[in-house]
Protein backbone atom coordinates (compact mmCIF):
# COMPACT_ATOMS: atom_id res chain seq x y z
CA MET A 1 -0.27 0.02 -0.12
CA ALA A 2 1.61 3.42 -0.90
CA ARG A 3 2.40 5.51 1.69
CA LYS A 4 0.06 8.94 2.07
CA THR A 5 1.87 12.07 1.20
CA GLN A 6 2.58 14.66 3.89
CA ARG A 7 2.16 17.51 1.35
CA SER A 8 -0.74 19.86 1.50
CA LYS A 9 -3.68 19.32 -0.84
CA LEU A 10 -3.91 21.36 -4.31
CA ASP A 11 -6.81 23.31 -4.22
CA LEU A 12 -7.96 24.66 -7.47
CA PRO A 13 -10.65 27.10 -8.57
CA GLU A 14 -13.20 25.82 -11.25
CA GLU A 15 -11.68 28.36 -13.85
CA GLN A 16 -8.06 27.11 -13.06
CA LYS A 17 -9.56 23.17 -13.55
CA GLU A 18 -11.04 24.04 -16.58
CA GLU A 19 -7.84 25.80 -17.97
CA LEU A 20 -5.42 22.76 -16.66
CA LEU A 21 -8.27 20.40 -18.61
CA LYS A 22 -7.99 22.22 -21.70
CA LEU A 23 -4.24 22.24 -21.92
CA SER A 24 -4.10 18.58 -20.49
CA GLN A 25 -5.67 17.71 -24.08
CA ALA A 26 -4.09 20.38 -26.14
CA ARG A 27 -2.05 18.89 -29.27
CA SER A 28 -0.33 22.01 -30.40
CA ALA A 29 1.18 22.99 -26.75
CA PRO A 30 4.49 21.87 -25.60
CA LEU A 31 4.60 18.08 -24.38
CA ARG A 32 6.10 18.91 -20.65
CA GLU A 33 3.37 21.32 -20.20
CA VAL A 34 0.85 18.82 -21.26
CA GLN A 35 2.03 16.23 -18.76
CA ARG A 36 2.34 19.07 -15.94
CA ALA A 37 -1.08 19.81 -16.35
CA LYS A 38 -2.13 16.07 -16.05
CA ILE A 39 -0.29 15.73 -12.81
CA LEU A 40 -1.72 18.61 -10.86
CA LEU A 41 -5.11 17.54 -12.34
CA LYS A 42 -4.76 14.00 -10.78
CA TYR A 43 -3.02 15.27 -7.51
CA ALA A 44 -5.92 17.69 -6.83
CA GLU A 45 -8.71 15.02 -7.30
CA GLY A 46 -6.50 12.90 -4.54
CA SER A 47 -4.47 10.59 -6.18
CA ASP A 48 -1.34 9.60 -4.53
CA ILE A 49 2.16 10.19 -6.01
CA SER A 50 2.97 6.79 -6.89
CA THR A 51 -0.09 6.13 -9.02
CA ILE A 52 0.71 9.19 -10.72
CA ALA A 53 4.28 8.33 -11.69
CA LYS A 54 2.91 5.19 -12.97
CA ASN A 55 -0.20 6.15 -15.04
CA MET A 56 2.15 9.26 -16.20
CA ASN A 57 5.06 6.82 -17.08
CA THR A 58 7.36 9.04 -15.33
CA THR A 59 9.55 9.18 -12.01
CA ARG A 60 8.22 9.94 -8.72
CA SER A 61 10.57 13.02 -8.64
CA THR A 62 9.51 14.58 -11.53
CA VAL A 63 5.88 14.64 -9.93
CA TYR A 64 7.37 15.75 -6.45
CA LYS A 65 9.05 18.81 -8.40
CA CYS A 66 5.78 19.84 -10.41
CA ILE A 67 3.53 19.52 -7.01
CA ASP A 68 6.14 21.53 -5.11
CA LYS A 69 6.38 23.99 -7.33
CA ALA A 70 2.59 24.43 -7.68
CA LEU A 71 2.26 24.63 -3.77
CA SER A 72 4.97 27.27 -3.26
CA MET A 73 4.88 29.19 -6.48
CA GLY A 74 1.50 28.72 -8.32
CA VAL A 75 0.11 26.59 -10.81
CA GLU A 76 1.54 28.67 -13.48
CA ALA A 77 5.18 28.83 -12.57
CA ALA A 78 4.81 24.94 -11.85
CA LEU A 79 3.70 24.65 -15.88
CA LYS A 80 6.91 26.45 -16.75
CA ASP A 81 10.65 25.80 -16.76
CA THR A 82 12.47 28.03 -14.47
CA TYR A 83 15.01 29.69 -16.38
CA HIS A 84 18.67 28.66 -15.67
CA ARG A 85 22.08 28.30 -17.45
CA PRO A 86 23.77 25.17 -15.95
CA ARG A 87 26.81 26.02 -16.93
CA GLU A 88 28.80 29.26 -18.38
CA PRO A 89 28.67 29.62 -22.21
CA VAL A 90 31.71 28.43 -23.91
CA ILE A 91 31.80 31.41 -26.37
CA THR A 92 32.25 34.42 -24.40
CA GLU A 93 30.15 37.51 -25.46
CA GLU A 94 33.98 39.17 -26.21
CA ALA A 95 34.36 36.31 -28.89
CA LYS A 96 31.09 36.85 -30.63
CA ASN A 97 31.71 40.55 -30.81
CA TRP A 98 35.15 39.60 -32.42
CA VAL A 99 33.10 37.61 -34.92
CA ILE A 100 30.53 40.30 -35.64
CA SER A 101 33.63 43.27 -36.08
CA LEU A 102 35.15 40.44 -38.90
CA ALA A 103 32.00 39.94 -40.62
CA CYS A 104 31.68 44.09 -41.04
CA GLN A 105 35.11 43.93 -42.75
CA LYS A 106 35.37 43.22 -46.79
CA PRO A 107 37.53 40.05 -46.95
CA LYS A 108 39.91 41.92 -49.12
CA ASP A 109 40.62 44.16 -46.61
CA LEU A 110 42.31 41.03 -44.54
CA GLY A 111 44.21 39.95 -47.52
CA TYR A 112 41.72 37.82 -49.51
CA ALA A 113 40.93 37.88 -52.87
CA ALA A 114 36.99 37.58 -52.33
CA GLU A 115 34.79 40.96 -52.02
CA ILE A 116 32.25 39.71 -49.60
CA TRP A 117 32.16 37.10 -46.80
CA SER A 118 30.64 33.46 -47.23
CA ARG A 119 29.78 32.16 -44.26
CA ARG A 120 32.08 29.28 -44.84
CA SER A 121 35.05 31.58 -45.60
CA LEU A 122 34.27 33.44 -42.47
CA ALA A 123 34.28 30.17 -40.24
CA GLN A 124 37.70 29.33 -41.74
CA HIS A 125 39.16 32.59 -41.03
CA VAL A 126 37.80 32.65 -37.72
CA ARG A 127 39.09 29.23 -36.75
CA LYS A 128 42.59 30.34 -38.20
CA HIS A 129 42.91 33.37 -36.15
CA ALA A 130 40.94 32.79 -33.06
CA LEU A 131 44.09 31.73 -31.12
CA GLN A 132 46.39 34.79 -31.78
CA SER A 133 43.38 36.97 -31.17
CA GLY A 134 42.95 35.76 -28.12
CA HIS A 135 39.66 33.81 -28.60
CA PRO A 136 40.61 30.33 -28.27
CA SER A 137 36.74 29.22 -27.74
CA LEU A 138 36.30 29.91 -31.50
CA GLN A 139 39.06 27.45 -32.60
CA LYS A 140 36.91 24.71 -33.97
CA ALA A 141 33.80 27.01 -34.78
CA GLY A 142 32.37 25.82 -37.97
CA LYS A 143 29.93 27.30 -40.43
CA ALA A 144 26.67 26.75 -38.05
CA THR A 145 28.17 28.46 -35.04
CA VAL A 146 29.20 31.37 -37.39
CA HIS A 147 25.75 31.85 -38.77
CA ARG A 148 24.44 31.35 -35.03
CA ILE A 149 26.37 34.38 -33.92
CA LEU A 150 25.71 36.63 -36.94
CA SER A 151 22.25 35.75 -36.64
CA GLU A 152 21.45 37.33 -33.30
CA HIS A 153 22.50 40.79 -34.51
CA PRO A 154 21.22 40.10 -37.25
CA ILE A 155 24.48 40.41 -39.88
CA ARG A 156 24.56 38.79 -43.23
CA PRO A 157 27.90 39.71 -44.76
CA HIS A 158 27.31 37.36 -47.61
CA LYS A 159 24.18 39.35 -49.01
CA ILE A 160 23.89 42.64 -50.92
CA ALA A 161 21.43 45.28 -51.00
CA TYR A 162 21.50 47.97 -53.51
CA TYR A 163 20.99 51.91 -53.07
CA CYS A 164 21.28 54.91 -55.15
CA GLU A 165 23.65 57.40 -54.05
CA ARG A 166 22.01 61.33 -54.86
CA ARG A 167 24.81 62.65 -56.77
CA ASP A 168 22.88 65.80 -57.89
CA PRO A 169 23.61 68.64 -55.61
CA GLU A 170 20.36 70.54 -56.79
CA PHE A 171 18.37 67.05 -56.24
CA GLU A 172 15.52 68.69 -54.20
CA ARG A 173 15.27 71.92 -56.56
CA LYS A 174 14.71 69.88 -59.51
CA MET A 175 12.28 67.66 -58.02
CA GLN A 176 10.30 70.40 -56.76
CA ASP A 177 10.33 71.89 -60.47
CA VAL A 178 9.01 68.72 -61.65
CA LEU A 179 6.40 68.44 -59.00
CA MET A 180 5.24 71.72 -60.18
CA VAL A 181 4.50 71.12 -63.80
CA TYR A 182 2.48 67.94 -62.45
CA LYS A 183 0.66 70.17 -60.10
CA GLU A 184 -0.25 72.67 -62.64
CA ALA A 185 -1.21 69.84 -65.17
CA SER A 186 -3.74 68.60 -62.51
CA LEU A 187 -5.42 71.90 -62.22
CA TYR A 188 -5.73 72.02 -65.88
CA GLN A 189 -9.26 70.63 -66.86
CA SER A 190 -9.18 68.62 -70.17
CA ASP A 191 -12.58 69.50 -71.22
CA SER A 192 -11.71 73.42 -71.12
CA ALA A 193 -12.87 74.75 -74.35
CA THR A 194 -9.70 76.94 -74.59
CA SER A 195 -6.09 75.44 -75.46
CA PRO A 196 -3.85 76.08 -71.84
CA PRO A 197 -0.81 78.47 -72.71
CA VAL A 198 1.44 75.77 -71.98
CA VAL A 199 1.01 71.93 -72.49
CA ASP A 200 2.95 69.56 -70.08
CA VAL A 201 4.46 66.42 -71.89
CA SER A 202 6.43 63.77 -70.25
CA VAL A 203 9.17 62.35 -72.44
CA ASP A 204 11.74 59.33 -72.38
CA GLU A 205 13.18 56.52 -74.07
CA LYS A 206 12.80 52.73 -73.64
CA PRO A 207 15.97 51.27 -75.22
CA GLY A 208 17.07 47.86 -75.95
CA VAL A 209 13.53 46.14 -76.71
CA GLN A 210 14.44 42.73 -78.08
CA ALA A 211 12.93 41.41 -80.95
CA LEU A 212 12.46 37.88 -80.17
CA ALA A 213 11.33 34.90 -82.61
CA ASN A 214 9.89 31.52 -81.99
CA LEU A 215 12.06 28.72 -83.35
CA ALA A 216 8.98 26.21 -83.02
CA GLU A 217 4.96 27.36 -83.42
CA ASP A 218 3.50 27.93 -79.98
CA ILE A 219 0.65 25.16 -78.90
CA LEU A 220 -2.46 27.11 -78.09
CA PRO A 221 -4.49 26.05 -75.07
CA ASP A 222 -6.71 22.84 -75.76
CA PRO A 223 -9.40 21.77 -72.99
CA HIS A 224 -8.67 18.15 -73.59
CA LYS A 225 -4.77 18.53 -73.25
CA ASN A 226 -3.11 21.43 -72.02
CA SER A 227 -4.74 24.60 -70.00
CA ARG A 228 -1.77 27.14 -70.71
CA LEU A 229 -0.06 28.05 -74.15
CA LEU A 230 3.03 25.93 -74.48
CA ARG A 231 6.18 27.58 -76.02
CA ASP A 232 9.32 26.23 -76.88
CA HIS A 233 11.76 27.44 -74.27
CA GLN A 234 14.58 28.41 -77.34
CA TYR A 235 14.28 31.54 -79.32
CA LYS A 236 16.24 33.49 -81.83
CA ARG A 237 17.56 37.44 -80.93
CA LEU A 238 16.53 39.38 -84.33
CA GLY A 239 17.94 42.58 -82.87
CA THR A 240 16.78 45.37 -80.60
CA VAL A 241 14.56 48.99 -80.90
CA SER A 242 14.21 51.74 -78.91
CA ILE A 243 10.70 53.21 -78.05
CA LEU A 244 10.68 57.19 -77.80
CA ALA A 245 7.37 58.01 -76.19
CA ALA A 246 6.10 61.44 -75.29
CA LEU A 247 3.01 61.56 -72.85
CA ASP A 248 0.67 64.63 -72.74
CA LEU A 249 -0.19 65.16 -68.96
CA HIS A 250 -3.35 66.68 -69.65
CA ASP A 251 -5.31 64.46 -71.91
CA GLY A 252 -3.36 61.16 -71.67
CA HIS A 253 -2.60 60.99 -75.55
CA VAL A 254 0.66 59.18 -76.27
CA PHE A 255 3.34 59.96 -78.90
CA THR A 256 5.33 57.21 -79.68
CA GLN A 257 8.31 56.58 -82.41
CA VAL A 258 9.92 53.18 -82.90
CA HIS A 259 13.87 53.44 -84.30
CA ASP A 260 16.50 51.11 -84.70
CA ARG A 261 18.85 53.54 -82.70
CA HIS A 262 18.42 56.39 -80.01
CA ARG A 263 20.42 59.25 -81.15
CA SER A 264 19.91 63.23 -81.79
CA LYS A 265 18.26 62.47 -85.11
CA GLU A 266 15.55 60.28 -83.60
CA PHE A 267 14.72 62.84 -80.56
CA ILE A 268 14.56 65.66 -83.03
CA CYS A 269 12.05 63.59 -84.89
CA LEU A 270 10.00 63.36 -81.79
CA LEU A 271 10.38 67.14 -81.22
CA GLN A 272 9.03 67.53 -84.72
CA GLU A 273 5.96 65.49 -84.24
CA LEU A 274 4.76 67.50 -81.08
CA ASP A 275 5.51 70.61 -82.80
CA SER A 276 3.17 69.73 -85.53
CA TYR A 277 0.61 68.25 -83.25
CA TYR A 278 -0.03 71.28 -80.80
CA PRO A 279 -1.28 74.61 -81.88
CA GLN A 280 1.47 77.28 -82.69
CA GLN A 281 0.18 79.80 -80.36
CA CYS A 282 1.04 77.29 -76.90
CA GLN A 283 4.26 76.54 -75.36
CA ILE A 284 5.39 72.88 -75.03
CA ARG A 285 6.97 72.23 -71.62
CA LEU A 286 8.93 68.95 -71.75
CA VAL A 287 9.82 66.92 -68.42
CA LEU A 288 13.00 64.79 -69.56
CA ASP A 289 15.89 63.30 -68.00
CA ASN A 290 19.57 64.64 -69.09
CA HIS A 291 20.34 62.12 -72.00
CA SER A 292 22.99 63.43 -73.90
CA ALA A 293 20.55 63.32 -77.17
CA HIS A 294 18.46 65.77 -75.56
CA ILE A 295 20.97 68.44 -74.95
CA SER A 296 23.25 67.89 -77.98
CA LYS A 297 24.73 70.15 -80.42
CA GLU A 298 22.29 68.99 -83.00
CA THR A 299 19.24 69.13 -80.71
CA ARG A 300 20.16 72.52 -79.56
CA ALA A 301 20.37 73.79 -83.21
CA TYR A 302 16.96 72.62 -83.86
CA LEU A 303 15.53 74.08 -80.82
CA ALA A 304 17.37 77.60 -82.05
CA THR A 305 15.04 77.13 -85.26
CA ARG A 306 11.70 76.88 -82.98
CA PRO A 307 12.36 79.98 -80.51
CA ASN A 308 9.97 79.95 -77.22
CA ARG A 309 8.55 76.64 -78.21
CA PHE A 310 9.69 74.26 -76.07
CA ILE A 311 10.66 74.47 -72.39
CA TYR A 312 12.89 71.87 -70.65
CA VAL A 313 12.27 70.63 -67.14
CA HIS A 314 15.15 68.14 -66.34
CA THR A 315 14.43 65.55 -63.42
CA PRO A 316 17.48 65.10 -61.45
CA THR A 317 20.32 62.99 -61.75
CA HIS A 318 19.16 59.29 -60.80
CA GLY A 319 15.43 60.44 -60.15
CA SER A 320 13.99 58.86 -63.51
CA TRP A 321 11.10 57.70 -61.11
CA LEU A 322 10.08 61.31 -60.99
CA ASN A 323 9.30 61.31 -64.87
CA LEU A 324 5.33 60.14 -65.20
CA VAL A 325 5.93 58.51 -68.68
CA GLU A 326 7.80 55.75 -66.79
CA THR A 327 4.23 54.56 -65.86
CA LEU A 328 3.13 54.23 -69.88
CA PHE A 329 6.35 52.26 -70.25
CA GLY A 330 5.35 49.90 -67.23
CA LYS A 331 1.77 49.67 -68.80
CA MET A 332 3.45 48.76 -72.25
CA ALA A 333 5.41 46.21 -70.50
CA ARG A 334 2.43 44.38 -68.61
CA THR A 335 0.35 44.43 -71.74
CA PHE A 336 1.49 44.20 -75.43
CA LEU A 337 5.23 43.99 -74.59
CA LYS A 338 5.13 40.90 -72.55
CA HIS A 339 6.04 37.72 -74.03
CA ILE A 340 5.90 39.17 -77.35
CA ARG A 341 7.19 36.85 -80.36
CA VAL A 342 7.75 38.36 -83.86
CA GLN A 343 9.30 37.23 -87.15
CA SER A 344 11.01 40.53 -87.98
CA VAL A 345 11.90 43.64 -86.37
CA LYS A 346 9.50 45.44 -88.67
CA GLU A 347 6.70 43.21 -86.88
CA LEU A 348 8.02 44.34 -83.80
CA LYS A 349 7.77 47.94 -84.65
CA ASP A 350 4.09 47.76 -86.18
CA ARG A 351 2.70 45.75 -83.33
CA ILE A 352 4.43 48.25 -80.60
CA LEU A 353 2.82 51.25 -82.89
CA LEU A 354 -0.80 49.23 -82.85
CA GLY A 355 -0.54 49.18 -79.07
CA VAL A 356 0.03 52.70 -78.58
CA GLN A 357 -3.10 53.03 -80.87
CA GLU A 358 -4.98 50.71 -78.81
CA ILE A 359 -3.92 52.91 -75.58
CA ASN A 360 -5.01 56.11 -77.60
CA ALA A 361 -8.39 54.93 -78.16
CA ALA A 362 -9.14 54.89 -74.59
CA PRO A 363 -6.53 57.65 -73.56
CA ILE A 364 -5.96 57.72 -69.34
CA VAL A 365 -4.67 60.77 -67.95
CA HIS A 366 -1.46 59.97 -65.54
CA ARG A 367 -1.54 62.09 -62.37
CA TRP A 368 0.69 62.60 -59.82
CA LYS A 369 -0.94 62.46 -56.21
CA LYS A 370 1.75 62.20 -53.64
CA PHE A 371 2.80 65.85 -53.21
CA ASP A 372 2.63 66.10 -49.42
CA ALA A 373 4.99 63.39 -49.22
CA LEU A 374 7.28 64.19 -51.82
CA ALA A 375 7.66 67.59 -50.27
CA LYS A 376 9.14 66.13 -47.32
CA TYR A 377 11.60 63.79 -49.07
């Protein structure tokens, strides 16, 4: 017959009993917490220590520890492990900081050929120089150890994230000039009977559009065979073209020319098209970048023949995202340029012009709306 324990009885409120019962039946809770919940419930019901240990397939000392903790510190404390560190860590904080300092340097600065660390190469360097640097605990450090040390901060020296450095000292002033154009364009009502004294046009180029030809015919979708269009993964490059586009910021009309090259000659052709389209009494204000074709001697010579006709508003260096025509190029890339295959460069040019005709059939006015946010940039 089991000896009756001298420990106090565990009185559980109904609410706490329900919580323990729910925990004891949980399938996603930690196993040790489920086991301790069952021990406390059985002890509260009056079961003796030996019976509980036998039914739970555990030792009496485990049951004693759980019950004593509940009686002295409460049920919540009995369910959780008390934080403890059985021994001092082998790798000291100084050693970890040394690894972090190495990761924050380039390997080429330490005599290696590589530009950036890999975890393996960093671990090799750590093992090689740990003793002479005063960190013998890292003499056997492997790639996983270095990974854990770096993850604590976290530091990822094997990854590169690119950023764009502002190299234009007048970035903010030029940005404000461009935004002022967009603000004035948004105030103009396109249904007005009179033409505006200044029309605003966003101009840019999309070079390097590839003319790709299939080497085998596409297989169209078939409800009985394949749900998607099937295409041979091999193709033939026929050449590239450049798209010169101008977007009217008042009514959304798009001017497009497709050329084999992008020189001052081609840009002047676009300017001539704009000149012939708009009334002679208005000025054409162009939002454009600092491409050499825009400011070349040939272009300036043409502009001199049309005095007071064109006004340039340049976007800042590395600020092409401020040009609204980029949204038009994005629309082209998502629609008729996506997955395009042609049999000749001429066909590519014709289909690009056809796609622009479709855009002009239902023009969309492109607006810039985040004036307040960019004013703080």
